[in-house]
């Protein structure tokens, strides 16, 4: 469940760097709560995977990349991003991505 922060909605994410393709979907029981799984082709080197995840997350949630910022986890696979968007809209999209068809920790 995303939390409303003073500067946006808090979205926990589990990163899978070095994937064959970018994919946003599925749920992972992370340390920051149920996390959305984001697989990206970028390697976990010099922040490349984090930047790829930021852009993929923005696209999946239908917001501008500038509206998504990293809050926790610069060097971890478990990250928390802040998304500048209405909480109800983000909750609905996150629910579909985490729990909807094709979702799963696969």
N, C-alpha and C. Protein backbone atom coordinates (compact mmCIF):
# COMPACT_ATOMS: atom_id res chain seq x y z
N UNK A 1 0.84 -1.18 0.00
CA UNK A 1 0.00 0.00 0.00
C UNK A 1 0.89 1.24 0.00
N UNK A 2 0.74 2.12 -1.00
CA UNK A 2 1.57 3.31 -1.01
C UNK A 2 1.19 4.25 0.12
N UNK A 3 2.15 4.99 0.62
CA UNK A 3 1.91 5.96 1.67
C UNK A 3 2.04 7.35 1.10
N UNK A 4 1.18 8.25 1.55
CA UNK A 4 1.25 9.63 1.14
C UNK A 4 2.34 10.31 1.95
N UNK A 5 3.31 10.86 1.29
CA UNK A 5 4.38 11.61 1.93
C UNK A 5 4.12 13.09 1.68
N UNK A 6 4.84 13.94 2.36
CA UNK A 6 4.64 15.37 2.21
C UNK A 6 4.90 15.81 0.76
N UNK A 7 5.84 15.15 0.10
CA UNK A 7 6.19 15.56 -1.26
C UNK A 7 5.77 14.53 -2.31
N UNK A 8 4.84 13.60 -2.01
CA UNK A 8 4.38 12.65 -3.00
C UNK A 8 3.98 11.33 -2.38
N UNK A 9 3.82 10.31 -3.24
CA UNK A 9 3.41 8.99 -2.82
C UNK A 9 4.65 8.09 -2.74
N UNK A 10 4.80 7.39 -1.65
CA UNK A 10 5.93 6.49 -1.44
C UNK A 10 5.64 5.14 -2.08
N UNK A 11 6.52 4.69 -3.00
CA UNK A 11 6.32 3.43 -3.71
C UNK A 11 7.54 2.52 -3.52
N UNK A 12 7.40 1.44 -2.74
CA UNK A 12 8.49 0.48 -2.59
C UNK A 12 8.69 -0.32 -3.89
N UNK A 13 9.94 -0.55 -4.25
CA UNK A 13 10.27 -1.24 -5.49
C UNK A 13 11.37 -2.26 -5.22
N UNK A 14 11.28 -3.42 -5.87
CA UNK A 14 12.36 -4.42 -5.87
C UNK A 14 12.93 -4.43 -7.28
N UNK A 15 14.22 -4.15 -7.41
CA UNK A 15 14.88 -4.03 -8.69
C UNK A 15 15.51 -5.35 -9.11
N UNK A 16 15.34 -5.69 -10.37
CA UNK A 16 16.01 -6.83 -10.98
C UNK A 16 16.83 -6.30 -12.15
N UNK A 17 18.09 -5.93 -11.90
CA UNK A 17 18.93 -5.39 -12.97
C UNK A 17 19.43 -6.49 -13.90
N UNK A 18 19.85 -6.10 -15.09
CA UNK A 18 20.43 -7.04 -16.03
C UNK A 18 19.43 -7.99 -16.65
N UNK A 19 18.16 -7.64 -16.65
CA UNK A 19 17.12 -8.49 -17.22
C UNK A 19 17.17 -8.42 -18.75
N UNK A 20 16.56 -9.40 -19.39
CA UNK A 20 16.53 -9.43 -20.85
C UNK A 20 15.68 -8.31 -21.43
N UNK A 21 14.68 -7.86 -20.66
CA UNK A 21 13.83 -6.77 -21.12
C UNK A 21 13.26 -6.04 -19.90
N UNK A 22 12.78 -4.84 -20.13
CA UNK A 22 12.16 -4.07 -19.06
C UNK A 22 10.76 -4.61 -18.82
N UNK A 23 10.46 -4.83 -17.54
CA UNK A 23 9.15 -5.35 -17.16
C UNK A 23 8.79 -4.77 -15.80
N UNK A 24 7.57 -4.29 -15.69
CA UNK A 24 7.07 -3.76 -14.42
C UNK A 24 5.85 -4.58 -14.04
N UNK A 25 5.96 -5.32 -12.95
CA UNK A 25 4.82 -6.11 -12.49
C UNK A 25 5.24 -7.21 -11.55
N UNK A 26 4.35 -7.53 -10.65
CA UNK A 26 4.59 -8.56 -9.66
C UNK A 26 4.85 -7.95 -8.30
N UNK A 27 4.78 -8.78 -7.29
CA UNK A 27 4.93 -8.31 -5.91
C UNK A 27 6.07 -9.05 -5.22
N UNK A 28 6.83 -8.33 -4.42
CA UNK A 28 7.93 -8.88 -3.65
C UNK A 28 7.78 -8.41 -2.20
N UNK A 29 7.85 -9.32 -1.21
CA UNK A 29 7.71 -8.91 0.19
C UNK A 29 9.00 -8.26 0.70
N UNK A 30 9.21 -7.02 0.34
CA UNK A 30 10.45 -6.33 0.68
C UNK A 30 10.47 -5.74 2.07
N UNK A 31 11.60 -5.17 2.46
CA UNK A 31 11.76 -4.60 3.79
C UNK A 31 10.96 -3.31 4.01
N UNK A 32 10.48 -2.70 2.92
CA UNK A 32 9.70 -1.46 3.01
C UNK A 32 8.22 -1.72 2.76
N UNK A 33 7.82 -2.99 2.85
CA UNK A 33 6.44 -3.38 2.58
C UNK A 33 6.35 -4.05 1.22
N UNK A 34 5.14 -4.44 0.81
CA UNK A 34 4.97 -5.09 -0.49
C UNK A 34 5.53 -4.20 -1.60
N UNK A 35 6.49 -4.72 -2.34
CA UNK A 35 7.18 -3.91 -3.34
C UNK A 35 6.81 -4.34 -4.75
N UNK A 36 6.74 -3.38 -5.62
CA UNK A 36 6.52 -3.62 -7.04
C UNK A 36 7.84 -4.08 -7.65
N UNK A 37 7.82 -5.17 -8.42
CA UNK A 37 9.03 -5.66 -9.06
C UNK A 37 9.24 -4.93 -10.38
N UNK A 38 10.45 -4.40 -10.57
CA UNK A 38 10.81 -3.73 -11.82
C UNK A 38 12.10 -4.35 -12.33
N UNK A 39 12.01 -5.01 -13.49
CA UNK A 39 13.18 -5.61 -14.13
C UNK A 39 13.63 -4.68 -15.24
N UNK A 40 14.93 -4.42 -15.29
CA UNK A 40 15.50 -3.55 -16.32
C UNK A 40 16.74 -4.19 -16.90
N UNK A 41 17.05 -3.85 -18.13
CA UNK A 41 18.24 -4.38 -18.79
C UNK A 41 19.52 -3.75 -18.33
N UNK A 42 19.44 -2.57 -17.75
CA UNK A 42 20.63 -1.85 -17.31
C UNK A 42 21.33 -2.59 -16.18
N UNK A 43 22.67 -2.55 -16.17
CA UNK A 43 23.41 -3.20 -15.09
C UNK A 43 23.37 -2.36 -13.81
N UNK A 44 23.62 -3.00 -12.68
CA UNK A 44 23.66 -2.31 -11.40
C UNK A 44 25.02 -1.66 -11.20
N UNK A 45 25.37 -0.74 -12.08
CA UNK A 45 26.66 -0.07 -12.07
C UNK A 45 26.44 1.43 -12.25
N UNK A 46 27.07 2.22 -11.40
CA UNK A 46 27.03 3.68 -11.52
C UNK A 46 25.62 4.27 -11.61
N UNK A 47 24.66 3.65 -10.93
CA UNK A 47 23.30 4.18 -10.89
C UNK A 47 22.50 3.97 -12.16
N UNK A 48 23.02 3.19 -13.10
CA UNK A 48 22.30 2.97 -14.37
C UNK A 48 20.99 2.23 -14.16
N UNK A 49 21.01 1.20 -13.33
CA UNK A 49 19.78 0.45 -13.09
C UNK A 49 18.75 1.32 -12.37
N UNK A 50 19.18 2.11 -11.41
CA UNK A 50 18.26 2.98 -10.69
C UNK A 50 17.59 3.97 -11.64
N UNK A 51 18.36 4.55 -12.54
CA UNK A 51 17.79 5.49 -13.51
C UNK A 51 16.82 4.79 -14.44
N UNK A 52 17.15 3.59 -14.88
CA UNK A 52 16.26 2.83 -15.76
C UNK A 52 14.96 2.48 -15.02
N UNK A 53 15.08 2.13 -13.76
CA UNK A 53 13.89 1.81 -12.96
C UNK A 53 13.03 3.06 -12.78
N UNK A 54 13.65 4.19 -12.52
CA UNK A 54 12.90 5.44 -12.35
C UNK A 54 12.06 5.73 -13.59
N UNK A 55 12.66 5.58 -14.75
CA UNK A 55 11.95 5.85 -16.01
C UNK A 55 10.87 4.79 -16.28
N UNK A 56 11.17 3.53 -16.01
CA UNK A 56 10.19 2.46 -16.22
C UNK A 56 9.00 2.63 -15.28
N UNK A 57 9.28 2.99 -14.03
CA UNK A 57 8.21 3.21 -13.06
C UNK A 57 7.32 4.37 -13.48
N UNK A 58 7.93 5.43 -13.94
CA UNK A 58 7.16 6.59 -14.42
C UNK A 58 6.24 6.18 -15.56
N UNK A 59 6.78 5.44 -16.52
CA UNK A 59 5.97 5.00 -17.65
C UNK A 59 4.82 4.11 -17.23
N UNK A 60 5.08 3.18 -16.33
CA UNK A 60 4.06 2.24 -15.88
C UNK A 60 2.96 2.94 -15.08
N UNK A 61 3.33 3.99 -14.36
CA UNK A 61 2.35 4.71 -13.54
C UNK A 61 1.71 5.88 -14.27
N UNK A 62 2.18 6.15 -15.49
CA UNK A 62 1.59 7.22 -16.29
C UNK A 62 1.93 8.61 -15.81
N UNK A 63 3.14 8.78 -15.28
CA UNK A 63 3.58 10.11 -14.85
C UNK A 63 4.88 10.46 -15.57
N UNK A 64 5.24 11.72 -15.54
CA UNK A 64 6.49 12.15 -16.15
C UNK A 64 7.67 11.61 -15.34
N UNK A 65 8.78 11.24 -16.01
CA UNK A 65 9.95 10.78 -15.27
C UNK A 65 10.42 11.79 -14.22
N UNK A 66 10.25 13.07 -14.50
CA UNK A 66 10.65 14.10 -13.53
C UNK A 66 9.80 14.05 -12.26
N UNK A 67 8.64 13.38 -12.32
CA UNK A 67 7.76 13.26 -11.17
C UNK A 67 8.08 12.07 -10.28
N UNK A 68 9.15 11.33 -10.62
CA UNK A 68 9.56 10.16 -9.83
C UNK A 68 10.98 10.38 -9.33
N UNK A 69 11.17 10.26 -8.03
CA UNK A 69 12.52 10.46 -7.47
C UNK A 69 12.83 9.38 -6.44
N UNK A 70 14.10 9.03 -6.37
CA UNK A 70 14.56 8.03 -5.41
C UNK A 70 14.61 8.65 -4.02
N UNK A 71 14.03 7.94 -3.04
CA UNK A 71 14.04 8.43 -1.66
C UNK A 71 14.95 7.58 -0.79
N UNK A 72 14.92 6.25 -0.97
CA UNK A 72 15.72 5.33 -0.15
C UNK A 72 16.30 4.24 -1.05
N UNK A 73 17.55 3.87 -0.81
CA UNK A 73 18.11 2.68 -1.44
C UNK A 73 18.96 2.89 -2.66
N UNK A 74 19.79 3.89 -2.68
CA UNK A 74 20.61 4.18 -3.86
C UNK A 74 21.46 2.99 -4.30
N UNK A 75 21.96 2.19 -3.36
CA UNK A 75 22.82 1.07 -3.72
C UNK A 75 22.19 -0.29 -3.41
N UNK A 76 20.90 -0.31 -3.18
CA UNK A 76 20.19 -1.54 -2.82
C UNK A 76 19.22 -1.96 -3.92
N UNK A 77 18.87 -3.23 -3.94
CA UNK A 77 17.83 -3.68 -4.86
C UNK A 77 16.45 -3.33 -4.32
N UNK A 78 16.36 -3.07 -3.03
CA UNK A 78 15.11 -2.64 -2.41
C UNK A 78 15.15 -1.13 -2.28
N UNK A 79 14.30 -0.47 -3.04
CA UNK A 79 14.30 1.00 -3.10
C UNK A 79 12.92 1.52 -2.77
N UNK A 80 12.86 2.80 -2.43
CA UNK A 80 11.59 3.49 -2.27
C UNK A 80 11.67 4.75 -3.12
N UNK A 81 10.72 4.88 -4.02
CA UNK A 81 10.63 6.06 -4.86
C UNK A 81 9.48 6.92 -4.38
N UNK A 82 9.58 8.21 -4.61
CA UNK A 82 8.49 9.13 -4.34
C UNK A 82 7.91 9.53 -5.69
N UNK A 83 6.60 9.39 -5.83
CA UNK A 83 5.91 9.72 -7.07
C UNK A 83 5.00 10.89 -6.81
N UNK A 84 5.15 11.93 -7.61
CA UNK A 84 4.34 13.13 -7.48
C UNK A 84 3.07 12.95 -8.30
N UNK A 85 2.04 12.39 -7.66
CA UNK A 85 0.75 12.14 -8.31
C UNK A 85 -0.30 11.90 -7.23
N UNK A 86 -1.58 12.01 -7.59
CA UNK A 86 -2.64 11.75 -6.60
C UNK A 86 -2.59 10.32 -6.09
N UNK A 87 -2.74 10.17 -4.78
CA UNK A 87 -2.62 8.87 -4.13
C UNK A 87 -3.62 7.85 -4.67
N UNK A 88 -4.85 8.23 -4.90
CA UNK A 88 -5.87 7.28 -5.38
C UNK A 88 -5.49 6.73 -6.74
N UNK A 89 -4.98 7.58 -7.60
CA UNK A 89 -4.57 7.16 -8.94
C UNK A 89 -3.40 6.19 -8.88
N UNK A 90 -2.42 6.50 -8.05
CA UNK A 90 -1.25 5.63 -7.91
C UNK A 90 -1.63 4.30 -7.28
N UNK A 91 -2.50 4.32 -6.25
CA UNK A 91 -2.94 3.08 -5.60
C UNK A 91 -3.59 2.14 -6.61
N UNK A 92 -4.44 2.67 -7.47
CA UNK A 92 -5.14 1.84 -8.45
C UNK A 92 -4.15 1.23 -9.44
N UNK A 93 -3.23 2.01 -9.94
CA UNK A 93 -2.26 1.51 -10.91
C UNK A 93 -1.29 0.51 -10.27
N UNK A 94 -0.85 0.81 -9.06
CA UNK A 94 0.05 -0.12 -8.36
C UNK A 94 -0.62 -1.45 -8.10
N UNK A 95 -1.87 -1.41 -7.68
CA UNK A 95 -2.61 -2.63 -7.41
C UNK A 95 -2.67 -3.49 -8.68
N UNK A 96 -2.96 -2.88 -9.80
CA UNK A 96 -3.04 -3.61 -11.06
C UNK A 96 -1.68 -4.19 -11.44
N UNK A 97 -0.61 -3.45 -11.23
CA UNK A 97 0.72 -3.91 -11.58
C UNK A 97 1.22 -5.01 -10.65
N UNK A 98 0.98 -4.85 -9.35
CA UNK A 98 1.46 -5.83 -8.38
C UNK A 98 0.64 -7.10 -8.36
N UNK A 99 -0.68 -6.96 -8.45
CA UNK A 99 -1.55 -8.09 -8.20
C UNK A 99 -2.36 -8.54 -9.41
N UNK A 100 -2.31 -7.77 -10.50
CA UNK A 100 -3.14 -8.06 -11.66
C UNK A 100 -2.66 -9.22 -12.49
N UNK A 101 -3.32 -9.46 -13.62
CA UNK A 101 -2.92 -10.55 -14.52
C UNK A 101 -1.46 -10.37 -14.95
N UNK A 102 -0.74 -11.45 -14.95
CA UNK A 102 0.65 -11.37 -15.33
C UNK A 102 1.56 -10.96 -14.19
N UNK A 103 0.94 -10.52 -13.07
CA UNK A 103 1.73 -10.16 -11.90
C UNK A 103 2.23 -11.42 -11.22
N UNK A 104 3.12 -11.26 -10.30
CA UNK A 104 3.67 -12.42 -9.61
C UNK A 104 5.17 -12.25 -9.48
N UNK A 105 5.75 -12.95 -8.59
CA UNK A 105 7.17 -12.76 -8.31
C UNK A 105 8.07 -13.48 -9.31
N UNK A 106 7.51 -14.07 -10.36
CA UNK A 106 8.23 -14.84 -11.34
C UNK A 106 9.43 -14.21 -11.87
